[in-house]
C-alpha atoms as a PDB file:
ATOM      1  CA  UNK A   1     194.150  85.402 128.418  1.00  0.00           C
ATOM      2  CA  UNK A   2     193.699  89.134 128.823  1.00  0.00           C
ATOM      3  CA  UNK A   3     193.957  91.647 125.986  1.00  0.00           C
ATOM      4  CA  UNK A   4     194.853  95.315 125.977  1.00  0.00           C
ATOM      5  CA  UNK A   5     195.716  98.161 123.629  1.00  0.00           C
ATOM      6  CA  UNK A   6     199.308  98.753 122.575  1.00  0.00           C
ATOM      7  CA  UNK A   7     199.950 102.143 124.132  1.00  0.00           C
ATOM      8  CA  UNK A   8     197.452 104.743 122.948  1.00  0.00           C
ATOM      9  CA  UNK A   9     196.942 102.972 119.646  1.00  0.00           C
ATOM     10  CA  UNK A  10     193.833 101.061 118.724  1.00  0.00           C
ATOM     11  CA  UNK A  11     195.795  97.819 118.261  1.00  0.00           C
ATOM     12  CA  UNK A  12     194.602  95.042 120.576  1.00  0.00           C
ATOM     13  CA  UNK A  13     197.201  92.498 121.704  1.00  0.00           C
ATOM     14  CA  UNK A  14     197.400  89.630 124.178  1.00  0.00           C
ATOM     15  CA  UNK A  15     199.119  90.439 127.470  1.00  0.00           C
ATOM     16  CA  UNK A  16     201.745  87.824 126.661  1.00  0.00           C
ATOM     17  CA  UNK A  17     203.850  88.171 123.528  1.00  0.00           C
ATOM     18  CA  UNK A  18     205.564  84.991 122.363  1.00  0.00           C
ATOM     19  CA  UNK A  19     209.165  85.717 121.431  1.00  0.00           C
ATOM     20  CA  UNK A  20     210.220  83.654 118.425  1.00  0.00           C
ATOM     21  CA  UNK A  21     214.000  84.035 118.793  1.00  0.00           C
ATOM     22  CA  UNK A  22     214.272  80.493 120.171  1.00  0.00           C
ATOM     23  CA  UNK A  23     212.759  79.037 116.989  1.00  0.00           C
ATOM     24  CA  UNK A  24     214.818  78.749 113.824  1.00  0.00           C
ATOM     25  CA  UNK A  25     217.829  76.542 113.344  1.00  0.00           C
ATOM     26  CA  UNK A  26     219.911  74.815 116.049  1.00  0.00           C
ATOM     27  CA  UNK A  27     223.036  75.520 114.026  1.00  0.00           C
ATOM     28  CA  UNK A  28     223.154  79.067 115.416  1.00  0.00           C
ATOM     29  CA  UNK A  29     222.845  78.096 119.113  1.00  0.00           C
ATOM     30  CA  UNK A  30     222.286  74.798 120.904  1.00  0.00           C
ATOM     31  CA  UNK A  31     219.044  75.973 122.504  1.00  0.00           C
ATOM     32  CA  UNK A  32     217.405  77.135 119.259  1.00  0.00           C
ATOM     33  CA  UNK A  33     214.576  74.791 118.227  1.00  0.00           C
ATOM     34  CA  UNK A  34     213.707  73.745 114.696  1.00  0.00           C
ATOM     35  CA  UNK A  35     210.226  74.035 113.237  1.00  0.00           C
ATOM     36  CA  UNK A  36     208.987  70.606 114.316  1.00  0.00           C
ATOM     37  CA  UNK A  37     210.083  71.146 117.913  1.00  0.00           C
ATOM     38  CA  UNK A  38     208.637  74.656 117.950  1.00  0.00           C
ATOM     39  CA  UNK A  39     205.223  73.605 116.635  1.00  0.00           C
ATOM     40  CA  UNK A  40     203.707  72.244 119.909  1.00  0.00           C
ATOM     41  CA  UNK A  41     204.801  75.345 121.804  1.00  0.00           C
ATOM     42  CA  UNK A  42     203.293  77.751 119.312  1.00  0.00           C
ATOM     43  CA  UNK A  43     200.152  75.614 119.214  1.00  0.00           C
ATOM     44  CA  UNK A  44     199.824  75.759 123.016  1.00  0.00           C
ATOM     45  CA  UNK A  45     200.357  79.522 123.036  1.00  0.00           C
ATOM     46  CA  UNK A  46     197.633  79.967 120.435  1.00  0.00           C
ATOM     47  CA  UNK A  47     195.303  77.655 122.363  1.00  0.00           C
ATOM     48  CA  UNK A  48     195.985  79.772 125.448  1.00  0.00           C
ATOM     49  CA  UNK A  49     194.905  82.937 123.683  1.00  0.00           C
ATOM     50  CA  UNK A  50     198.247  84.434 122.665  1.00  0.00           C
ATOM     51  CA  UNK A  51     197.818  86.623 119.573  1.00  0.00           C
ATOM     52  CA  UNK A  52     201.056  88.663 119.718  1.00  0.00           C
ATOM     53  CA  UNK A  53     204.295  87.274 118.229  1.00  0.00           C
ATOM     54  CA  UNK A  54     207.718  88.920 117.945  1.00  0.00           C
ATOM     55  CA  UNK A  55     210.707  87.989 115.807  1.00  0.00           C
ATOM     56  CA  UNK A  56     213.566  89.749 113.972  1.00  0.00           C
ATOM     57  CA  UNK A  57     215.286  89.501 110.617  1.00  0.00           C
ATOM     58  CA  UNK A  58     218.618  88.513 112.181  1.00  0.00           C
ATOM     59  CA  UNK A  59     217.396  85.653 114.388  1.00  0.00           C
ATOM     60  CA  UNK A  60     218.897  82.411 113.050  1.00  0.00           C
ATOM     61  CA  UNK A  61     219.940  84.324 109.925  1.00  0.00           C
ATOM     62  CA  UNK A  62     216.314  84.801 108.912  1.00  0.00           C
ATOM     63  CA  UNK A  63     215.137  81.281 109.673  1.00  0.00           C
ATOM     64  CA  UNK A  64     213.148  82.466 112.689  1.00  0.00           C
ATOM     65  CA  UNK A  65     210.988  84.583 110.386  1.00  0.00           C
ATOM     66  CA  UNK A  66     210.437  81.633 108.047  1.00  0.00           C
ATOM     67  CA  UNK A  67     209.410  79.343 110.925  1.00  0.00           C
ATOM     68  CA  UNK A  68     207.239  82.063 112.436  1.00  0.00           C
ATOM     69  CA  UNK A  69     205.393  82.685 109.194  1.00  0.00           C
ATOM     70  CA  UNK A  70     204.741  79.014 108.528  1.00  0.00           C
ATOM     71  CA  UNK A  71     203.558  78.171 112.042  1.00  0.00           C
ATOM     72  CA  UNK A  72     201.274  81.175 112.400  1.00  0.00           C
ATOM     73  CA  UNK A  73     199.830  80.318 109.000  1.00  0.00           C
ATOM     74  CA  UNK A  74     199.027  76.839 110.341  1.00  0.00           C
ATOM     75  CA  UNK A  75     197.324  77.910 113.550  1.00  0.00           C
ATOM     76  CA  UNK A  76     195.392  81.021 112.539  1.00  0.00           C
ATOM     77  CA  UNK A  77     192.729  80.839 109.823  1.00  0.00           C
ATOM     78  CA  UNK A  78     193.063  84.537 108.983  1.00  0.00           C
ATOM     79  CA  UNK A  79     196.013  86.929 108.859  1.00  0.00           C
ATOM     80  CA  UNK A  80     193.999  89.482 110.872  1.00  0.00           C
ATOM     81  CA  UNK A  81     193.656  87.038 113.779  1.00  0.00           C
ATOM     82  CA  UNK A  82     197.176  87.665 115.093  1.00  0.00           C
ATOM     83  CA  UNK A  83     199.617  90.528 115.600  1.00  0.00           C
ATOM     84  CA  UNK A  84     203.012  89.999 113.983  1.00  0.00           C
ATOM     85  CA  UNK A  85     206.099  92.013 114.873  1.00  0.00           C
ATOM     86  CA  UNK A  86     209.613  91.910 113.468  1.00  0.00           C
ATOM     87  CA  UNK A  87     212.710  94.077 113.690  1.00  0.00           C
ATOM     88  CA  UNK A  88     215.458  95.678 111.590  1.00  0.00           C
ATOM     89  CA  UNK A  89     218.968  96.950 112.364  1.00  0.00           C
ATOM     90  CA  UNK A  90     221.480  94.150 112.900  1.00  0.00           C
ATOM     91  CA  UNK A  91     223.536  92.779 109.970  1.00  0.00           C
ATOM     92  CA  UNK A  92     221.775  90.388 107.615  1.00  0.00           C
ATOM     93  CA  UNK A  93     224.682  90.116 105.180  1.00  0.00           C
ATOM     94  CA  UNK A  94     228.327  91.014 104.681  1.00  0.00           C
ATOM     95  CA  UNK A  95     227.835  94.211 102.694  1.00  0.00           C
ATOM     96  CA  UNK A  96     228.206  97.705 104.195  1.00  0.00           C
ATOM     97  CA  UNK A  97     224.525  98.427 103.525  1.00  0.00           C
ATOM     98  CA  UNK A  98     223.258  95.144 104.992  1.00  0.00           C
ATOM     99  CA  UNK A  99     222.721  96.683 108.428  1.00  0.00           C
ATOM    100  CA  UNK A 100     221.595  99.818 110.205  1.00  0.00           C
ATOM    101  CA  UNK A 101     218.636 102.105 109.657  1.00  0.00           C
ATOM    102  CA  UNK A 102     219.423 103.834 106.372  1.00  0.00           C
ATOM    103  CA  UNK A 103     216.703 104.278 103.773  1.00  0.00           C
ATOM    104  CA  UNK A 104     218.463 101.740 101.562  1.00  0.00           C
ATOM    105  CA  UNK A 105     218.668  99.033 104.208  1.00  0.00           C
ATOM    106  CA  UNK A 106     215.220  99.532 105.750  1.00  0.00           C
ATOM    107  CA  UNK A 107     213.459  99.252 102.394  1.00  0.00           C
ATOM    108  CA  UNK A 108     215.448  96.145 101.469  1.00  0.00           C
ATOM    109  CA  UNK A 109     214.950  94.644 104.930  1.00  0.00           C
ATOM    110  CA  UNK A 110     211.177  95.033 105.115  1.00  0.00           C
ATOM    111  CA  UNK A 111     210.731  93.387 101.718  1.00  0.00           C
ATOM    112  CA  UNK A 112     213.045  90.527 102.699  1.00  0.00           C
ATOM    113  CA  UNK A 113     211.218  90.049 106.011  1.00  0.00           C
ATOM    114  CA  UNK A 114     207.816  89.945 104.335  1.00  0.00           C
ATOM    115  CA  UNK A 115     209.115  87.371 101.877  1.00  0.00           C
ATOM    116  CA  UNK A 116     210.477  85.125 104.640  1.00  0.00           C
ATOM    117  CA  UNK A 117     207.322  85.534 106.741  1.00  0.00           C
ATOM    118  CA  UNK A 118     205.099  84.823 103.761  1.00  0.00           C
ATOM    119  CA  UNK A 119     202.795  87.788 104.425  1.00  0.00           C
ATOM    120  CA  UNK A 120     202.107  91.119 102.751  1.00  0.00           C
ATOM    121  CA  UNK A 121     202.460  93.191 105.930  1.00  0.00           C
ATOM    122  CA  UNK A 122     203.611  93.110 109.535  1.00  0.00           C
ATOM    123  CA  UNK A 123     201.583  94.744 112.263  1.00  0.00           C
ATOM    124  CA  UNK A 124     204.555  96.187 114.120  1.00  0.00           C
ATOM    125  CA  UNK A 125     207.901  97.031 112.487  1.00  0.00           C
ATOM    126  CA  UNK A 126     210.565  97.848 115.053  1.00  0.00           C
ATOM    127  CA  UNK A 127     214.038  99.308 114.948  1.00  0.00           C
ATOM    128  CA  UNK A 128     216.169  96.826 116.884  1.00  0.00           C
ATOM    129  CA  UNK A 129     218.605  99.470 118.144  1.00  0.00           C
ATOM    130  CA  UNK A 130     219.624 103.106 117.598  1.00  0.00           C
ATOM    131  CA  UNK A 131     221.775 103.759 114.531  1.00  0.00           C
ATOM    132  CA  UNK A 132     224.315 106.534 115.247  1.00  0.00           C
ATOM    133  CA  UNK A 133     225.435 106.497 111.606  1.00  0.00           C
ATOM    134  CA  UNK A 134     222.090 107.498 110.100  1.00  0.00           C
ATOM    135  CA  UNK A 135     220.261 110.796 110.719  1.00  0.00           C
ATOM    136  CA  UNK A 136     217.112 110.082 112.674  1.00  0.00           C
ATOM    137  CA  UNK A 137     215.131 112.134 110.158  1.00  0.00           C
ATOM    138  CA  UNK A 138     216.138 109.678 107.428  1.00  0.00           C
ATOM    139  CA  UNK A 139     215.098 106.696 109.543  1.00  0.00           C
ATOM    140  CA  UNK A 140     211.751 108.163 110.580  1.00  0.00           C
ATOM    141  CA  UNK A 141     210.993 109.186 106.989  1.00  0.00           C
ATOM    142  CA  UNK A 142     211.605 105.713 105.585  1.00  0.00           C
ATOM    143  CA  UNK A 143     209.650 104.063 108.419  1.00  0.00           C
ATOM    144  CA  UNK A 144     206.764 106.384 107.620  1.00  0.00           C
ATOM    145  CA  UNK A 145     207.015 105.272 103.992  1.00  0.00           C
ATOM    146  CA  UNK A 146     206.866 101.634 105.070  1.00  0.00           C
ATOM    147  CA  UNK A 147     203.640 102.348 106.960  1.00  0.00           C
ATOM    148  CA  UNK A 148     202.078 104.433 104.194  1.00  0.00           C
ATOM    149  CA  UNK A 149     202.860 101.718 101.651  1.00  0.00           C
ATOM    150  CA  UNK A 150     200.929  99.201 103.740  1.00  0.00           C
ATOM    151  CA  UNK A 151     203.900  97.001 104.550  1.00  0.00           C
ATOM    152  CA  UNK A 152     203.556  97.768 108.274  1.00  0.00           C
ATOM    153  CA  UNK A 153     200.656  98.994 110.368  1.00  0.00           C
ATOM    154  CA  UNK A 154     202.631 100.506 113.269  1.00  0.00           C
ATOM    155  CA  UNK A 155     206.257 101.147 114.133  1.00  0.00           C
ATOM    156  CA  UNK A 156     208.139 100.520 117.358  1.00  0.00           C
ATOM    157  CA  UNK A 157     211.596 100.981 118.820  1.00  0.00           C
ATOM    158  CA  UNK A 158     213.827  98.929 121.083  1.00  0.00           C
ATOM    159  CA  UNK A 159     216.545  99.580 123.664  1.00  0.00           C
ATOM    160  CA  UNK A 160     218.087 103.043 123.516  1.00  0.00           C
ATOM    161  CA  UNK A 161     218.566 106.066 125.758  1.00  0.00           C
ATOM    162  CA  UNK A 162     215.520 108.134 126.615  1.00  0.00           C
ATOM    163  CA  UNK A 163     216.981 111.213 124.927  1.00  0.00           C
ATOM    164  CA  UNK A 164     217.343 109.244 121.695  1.00  0.00           C
ATOM    165  CA  UNK A 165     213.755 108.046 121.820  1.00  0.00           C
ATOM    166  CA  UNK A 166     212.537 111.578 122.555  1.00  0.00           C
ATOM    167  CA  UNK A 167     214.580 112.875 119.611  1.00  0.00           C
ATOM    168  CA  UNK A 168     213.025 110.291 117.287  1.00  0.00           C
ATOM    169  CA  UNK A 169     209.487 111.069 118.416  1.00  0.00           C
ATOM    170  CA  UNK A 170     210.117 114.801 118.065  1.00  0.00           C
ATOM    171  CA  UNK A 171     211.481 114.311 114.531  1.00  0.00           C
ATOM    172  CA  UNK A 172     208.312 112.430 113.589  1.00  0.00           C
ATOM    173  CA  UNK A 173     206.086 115.147 115.028  1.00  0.00           C
ATOM    174  CA  UNK A 174     208.110 117.956 113.450  1.00  0.00           C
ATOM    175  CA  UNK A 175     208.044 116.361 109.989  1.00  0.00           C
ATOM    176  CA  UNK A 176     204.474 115.065 110.146  1.00  0.00           C
ATOM    177  CA  UNK A 177     205.560 111.413 110.112  1.00  0.00           C
ATOM    178  CA  UNK A 178     204.390 108.224 111.805  1.00  0.00           C
ATOM    179  CA  UNK A 179     205.633 108.076 115.407  1.00  0.00           C
ATOM    180  CA  UNK A 180     206.617 105.051 117.446  1.00  0.00           C
ATOM    181  CA  UNK A 181     203.751 103.220 119.141  1.00  0.00           C
ATOM    182  CA  UNK A 182     205.835 100.886 121.308  1.00  0.00           C
ATOM    183  CA  UNK A 183     209.139 100.512 123.124  1.00  0.00           C
ATOM    184  CA  UNK A 184     210.721  97.065 123.430  1.00  0.00           C
ATOM    185  CA  UNK A 185     213.092  97.603 126.323  1.00  0.00           C
ATOM    186  CA  UNK A 186     215.222  95.582 128.726  1.00  0.00           C
ATOM    187  CA  UNK A 187     213.121  95.446 131.892  1.00  0.00           C
ATOM    188  CA  UNK A 188     212.711  92.871 134.657  1.00  0.00           C
ATOM    189  CA  UNK A 189     213.053  92.501 138.427  1.00  0.00           C
ATOM    190  CA  UNK A 190     216.849  92.232 138.145  1.00  0.00           C
ATOM    191  CA  UNK A 191     217.219  95.212 135.784  1.00  0.00           C
ATOM    192  CA  UNK A 192     215.027  98.232 136.530  1.00  0.00           C
ATOM    193  CA  UNK A 193     217.125 101.110 135.231  1.00  0.00           C
ATOM    194  CA  UNK A 194     214.383 101.816 132.665  1.00  0.00           C
ATOM    195  CA  UNK A 195     212.217 103.117 135.527  1.00  0.00           C
ATOM    196  CA  UNK A 196     214.448 106.206 135.790  1.00  0.00           C
ATOM    197  CA  UNK A 197     213.805 107.860 132.405  1.00  0.00           C
ATOM    198  CA  UNK A 198     212.525 105.638 129.605  1.00  0.00           C
ATOM    199  CA  UNK A 199     209.392 104.320 131.294  1.00  0.00           C
ATOM    200  CA  UNK A 200     208.244 107.737 132.585  1.00  0.00           C
ATOM    201  CA  UNK A 201     208.759 109.100 129.059  1.00  0.00           C
ATOM    202  CA  UNK A 202     206.691 106.296 127.537  1.00  0.00           C
ATOM    203  CA  UNK A 203     203.930 106.725 130.124  1.00  0.00           C
ATOM    204  CA  UNK A 204     203.777 110.440 129.396  1.00  0.00           C
ATOM    205  CA  UNK A 205     203.656 109.890 125.635  1.00  0.00           C
ATOM    206  CA  UNK A 206     201.289 106.903 125.636  1.00  0.00           C
ATOM    207  CA  UNK A 207     203.871 104.470 124.251  1.00  0.00           C
ATOM    208  CA  UNK A 208     203.266 100.811 125.084  1.00  0.00           C
ATOM    209  CA  UNK A 209     206.033  98.765 126.725  1.00  0.00           C
ATOM    210  CA  UNK A 210     206.827  95.273 125.449  1.00  0.00           C
ATOM    211  CA  UNK A 211     209.829  94.305 127.600  1.00  0.00           C
ATOM    212  CA  UNK A 212     212.380  91.780 126.419  1.00  0.00           C
ATOM    213  CA  UNK A 213     214.127  89.341 128.750  1.00  0.00           C
ATOM    214  CA  UNK A 214     211.328  89.495 131.356  1.00  0.00           C
ATOM    215  CA  UNK A 215     212.950  86.607 133.242  1.00  0.00           C
ATOM    216  CA  UNK A 216     216.497  87.987 132.928  1.00  0.00           C
ATOM    217  CA  UNK A 217     217.519  85.234 130.494  1.00  0.00           C
ATOM    218  CA  UNK A 218     216.172  82.622 132.910  1.00  0.00           C
ATOM    219  CA  UNK A 219     217.906  84.003 135.997  1.00  0.00           C
ATOM    220  CA  UNK A 220     214.568  84.848 137.639  1.00  0.00           C
ATOM    221  CA  UNK A 221     213.253  81.368 136.836  1.00  0.00           C
ATOM    222  CA  UNK A 222     216.068  79.716 138.777  1.00  0.00           C
ATOM    223  CA  UNK A 223     218.230  78.475 135.898  1.00  0.00           C
ATOM    224  CA  UNK A 224     221.479  79.573 137.597  1.00  0.00           C
ATOM    225  CA  UNK A 225     222.796  79.581 141.157  1.00  0.00           C
ATOM    226  CA  UNK A 226     225.329  81.633 143.094  1.00  0.00           C
ATOM    227  CA  UNK A 227     227.998  79.025 142.668  1.00  0.00           C
ATOM    228  CA  UNK A 228     227.936  79.323 138.891  1.00  0.00           C
ATOM    229  CA  UNK A 229     226.024  76.114 138.209  1.00  0.00           C
ATOM    230  CA  UNK A 230     223.937  76.329 135.031  1.00  0.00           C
ATOM    231  CA  UNK A 231     220.825  74.181 135.091  1.00  0.00           C
ATOM    232  CA  UNK A 232     219.646  74.451 131.471  1.00  0.00           C
ATOM    233  CA  UNK A 233     221.188  74.262 128.013  1.00  0.00           C
ATOM    234  CA  UNK A 234     220.484  77.929 127.386  1.00  0.00           C
ATOM    235  CA  UNK A 235     221.956  79.055 130.699  1.00  0.00           C
ATOM    236  CA  UNK A 236     225.099  77.084 129.854  1.00  0.00           C
ATOM    237  CA  UNK A 237     225.585  78.842 126.527  1.00  0.00           C
ATOM    238  CA  UNK A 238     224.405  82.425 126.941  1.00  0.00           C
ATOM    239  CA  UNK A 239     227.361  84.829 127.201  1.00  0.00           C
ATOM    240  CA  UNK A 240     224.973  87.773 126.750  1.00  0.00           C
ATOM    241  CA  UNK A 241     223.358  86.936 130.089  1.00  0.00           C
ATOM    242  CA  UNK A 242     226.764  86.657 131.738  1.00  0.00           C
ATOM    243  CA  UNK A 243     227.535  90.209 130.600  1.00  0.00           C
ATOM    244  CA  UNK A 244     224.271  91.671 131.915  1.00  0.00           C
ATOM    245  CA  UNK A 245     223.799  89.942 135.284  1.00  0.00           C
ATOM    246  CA  UNK A 246     226.152  88.956 138.096  1.00  0.00           C
ATOM    247  CA  UNK A 247     226.190  87.422 141.570  1.00  0.00           C
ATOM    248  CA  UNK A 248     224.760  90.595 143.091  1.00  0.00           C
ATOM    249  CA  UNK A 249     221.461  89.852 141.360  1.00  0.00           C
ATOM    250  CA  UNK A 250     220.930  86.645 143.310  1.00  0.00           C
ATOM    251  CA  UNK A 251     219.441  88.618 146.204  1.00  0.00           C
ATOM    252  CA  UNK A 252     216.553  89.410 143.848  1.00  0.00           C
ATOM    253  CA  UNK A 253     216.418  85.778 142.759  1.00  0.00           C
ATOM    254  CA  UNK A 254     216.166  84.726 146.422  1.00  0.00           C
ATOM    255  CA  UNK A 255     213.243  87.113 146.925  1.00  0.00           C
ATOM    256  CA  UNK A 256     211.448  85.646 143.903  1.00  0.00           C
ATOM    257  CA  UNK A 257     212.104  82.149 145.215  1.00  0.00           C
ATOM    258  CA  UNK A 258     210.702  83.046 148.650  1.00  0.00           C
ATOM    259  CA  UNK A 259     207.483  84.530 147.275  1.00  0.00           C
ATOM    260  CA  UNK A 260     207.104  81.619 144.850  1.00  0.00           C
ATOM    261  CA  UNK A 261     207.534  79.097 147.677  1.00  0.00           C
ATOM    262  CA  UNK A 262     204.971  80.865 149.820  1.00  0.00           C
ATOM    263  CA  UNK A 263     202.472  80.977 146.940  1.00  0.00           C
ATOM    264  CA  UNK A 264     203.346  77.439 145.794  1.00  0.00           C
ATOM    265  CA  UNK A 265     203.944  78.728 142.278  1.00  0.00           C
ATOM    266  CA  UNK A 266     206.907  78.519 139.882  1.00  0.00           C
ATOM    267  CA  UNK A 267     209.384  81.393 140.114  1.00  0.00           C
ATOM    268  CA  UNK A 268     208.730  82.352 136.507  1.00  0.00           C
ATOM    269  CA  UNK A 269     205.070  83.051 137.246  1.00  0.00           C
ATOM    270  CA  UNK A 270     205.967  85.376 140.106  1.00  0.00           C
ATOM    271  CA  UNK A 271     208.544  87.330 138.082  1.00  0.00           C
ATOM    272  CA  UNK A 272     206.163  87.684 135.128  1.00  0.00           C
ATOM    273  CA  UNK A 273     203.255  88.671 137.363  1.00  0.00           C
ATOM    274  CA  UNK A 274     205.375  91.472 138.814  1.00  0.00           C
ATOM    275  CA  UNK A 275     206.193  92.767 135.349  1.00  0.00           C
ATOM    276  CA  UNK A 276     202.584  92.526 134.165  1.00  0.00           C
ATOM    277  CA  UNK A 277     201.551  94.682 137.134  1.00  0.00           C
ATOM    278  CA  UNK A 278     203.892  97.567 136.318  1.00  0.00           C
ATOM    279  CA  UNK A 279     202.517 100.783 134.778  1.00  0.00           C
ATOM    280  CA  UNK A 280     202.729 100.972 131.003  1.00  0.00           C
ATOM    281  CA  UNK A 281     203.665  97.326 130.445  1.00  0.00           C
ATOM    282  CA  UNK A 282     201.539  95.969 127.617  1.00  0.00           C
ATOM    283  CA  UNK A 283     203.004  92.502 127.095  1.00  0.00           C
ATOM    284  CA  UNK A 284     206.308  90.943 128.186  1.00  0.00           C
ATOM    285  CA  UNK A 285     208.051  89.080 125.367  1.00  0.00           C
ATOM    286  CA  UNK A 286     208.423  85.522 126.638  1.00  0.00           C
ATOM    287  CA  UNK A 287     210.741  83.056 124.950  1.00  0.00           C
ATOM    288  CA  UNK A 288     210.164  79.326 125.206  1.00  0.00           C
ATOM    289  CA  UNK A 289     212.138  76.152 124.637  1.00  0.00           C
ATOM    290  CA  UNK A 290     209.726  73.775 126.373  1.00  0.00           C
ATOM    291  CA  UNK A 291     205.995  73.620 127.002  1.00  0.00           C
ATOM    292  CA  UNK A 292     206.409  74.492 130.668  1.00  0.00           C
ATOM    293  CA  UNK A 293     207.617  77.952 129.676  1.00  0.00           C
ATOM    294  CA  UNK A 294     204.374  78.534 127.792  1.00  0.00           C
ATOM    295  CA  UNK A 295     202.261  77.248 130.682  1.00  0.00           C
ATOM    296  CA  UNK A 296     204.019  79.557 133.162  1.00  0.00           C
ATOM    297  CA  UNK A 297     203.515  82.565 130.903  1.00  0.00           C
ATOM    298  CA  UNK A 298     199.816  81.843 130.421  1.00  0.00           C
ATOM    299  CA  UNK A 299     199.265  81.287 134.134  1.00  0.00           C
ATOM    300  CA  UNK A 300     201.149  84.446 135.147  1.00  0.00           C
ATOM    301  CA  UNK A 301     198.439  86.642 133.623  1.00  0.00           C
ATOM    302  CA  UNK A 302     196.074  85.550 136.402  1.00  0.00           C
ATOM    303  CA  UNK A 303     198.534  85.923 139.305  1.00  0.00           C
ATOM    304  CA  UNK A 304     197.906  89.000 141.449  1.00  0.00           C
ATOM    305  CA  UNK A 305     200.650  89.997 143.870  1.00  0.00           C
ATOM    306  CA  UNK A 306     199.925  91.727 147.168  1.00  0.00           C
ATOM    307  CA  UNK A 307     201.562  95.025 148.110  1.00  0.00           C
ATOM    308  CA  UNK A 308     203.666  93.150 150.651  1.00  0.00           C
ATOM    309  CA  UNK A 309     204.843  90.621 148.060  1.00  0.00           C
ATOM    310  CA  UNK A 310     205.686  93.391 145.602  1.00  0.00           C
ATOM    311  CA  UNK A 311     207.692  95.225 148.269  1.00  0.00           C
ATOM    312  CA  UNK A 312     209.558  92.012 149.110  1.00  0.00           C
ATOM    313  CA  UNK A 313     210.413  91.431 145.440  1.00  0.00           C
ATOM    314  CA  UNK A 314     211.616  94.989 144.867  1.00  0.00           C
ATOM    315  CA  UNK A 315     213.571  95.545 148.087  1.00  0.00           C
ATOM    316  CA  UNK A 316     216.846  93.762 147.097  1.00  0.00           C
ATOM    317  CA  UNK A 317     217.320  95.693 143.852  1.00  0.00           C
ATOM    318  CA  UNK A 318     220.619  97.517 143.355  1.00  0.00           C
ATOM    319  CA  UNK A 319     221.495 100.031 140.615  1.00  0.00           C
ATOM    320  CA  UNK A 320     223.065  98.642 137.438  1.00  0.00           C
ATOM    321  CA  UNK A 321     225.210 100.025 134.679  1.00  0.00           C
ATOM    322  CA  UNK A 322     223.174 100.499 131.506  1.00  0.00           C
ATOM    323  CA  UNK A 323     222.828  97.118 129.778  1.00  0.00           C
ATOM    324  CA  UNK A 324     221.079  96.031 126.626  1.00  0.00           C
ATOM    325  CA  UNK A 325     221.450  99.092 124.402  1.00  0.00           C
ATOM    326  CA  UNK A 326     224.099  97.584 122.131  1.00  0.00           C
END
């Protein structure tokens, strides 16, 4: 495993972040794994040197945080041995204040997350999306309070427009508040719209990128084909993927398959290696529902693509409508 700093911060993280969304309760989705099934995958990730773990308060109605906290407590002797990230924004209840980025909800949400995780702080507290109903000054002020109180060490953001992220960072600077250290954005070989504005902004400002859906919900690993056949349980029940990707993206998939065949490597390793090579990318967030997913992620760190292979992978890309901000 390789390790790097998260943006310009002093926080050291593994170059693979294990996404914990697939661990929680199968009641929410067929492909979600319970704690016992998740245990060997988390164990293998830890054995492979992964120290960075990402979850959210709304995954499996909070059960993902509970599973995450218990498993990390099993495999790491000290709390300081791993980097724990969670997120706030999406509804966690039926009340009007059980969502968003208001002062009221953020303060309630961080305390609830810490309770479910069984820890006294998270290393990275992220806003899951932009909240148009709350002034950004209110959100940045309460996030700063969360950091100053010791409940979080750093703050991060997730998918939004570049102008929104710039506005948030400017508000923090103007008011003397904690600024965002990371951006968790939608970025992979099949969706590269972030290269237009968000990634150049983050590179300029020293913000680390921790992309979600690095394999395009399995598309880049070969879990779907042009004819609509779905080869895995998750691919068969993932309407979010159907809304973000279409048949036009299979030209990219074919390029990944060709490079993978030539290198005699799984497609997932090629797609992850490409992402790991891109400027500003700290650690792709990799989800897993079987041990092979973990093995591919660990191996991808050591795969180095040639300029010719990179050009072949990037050539079929076509512009997309903005996807992933809602």
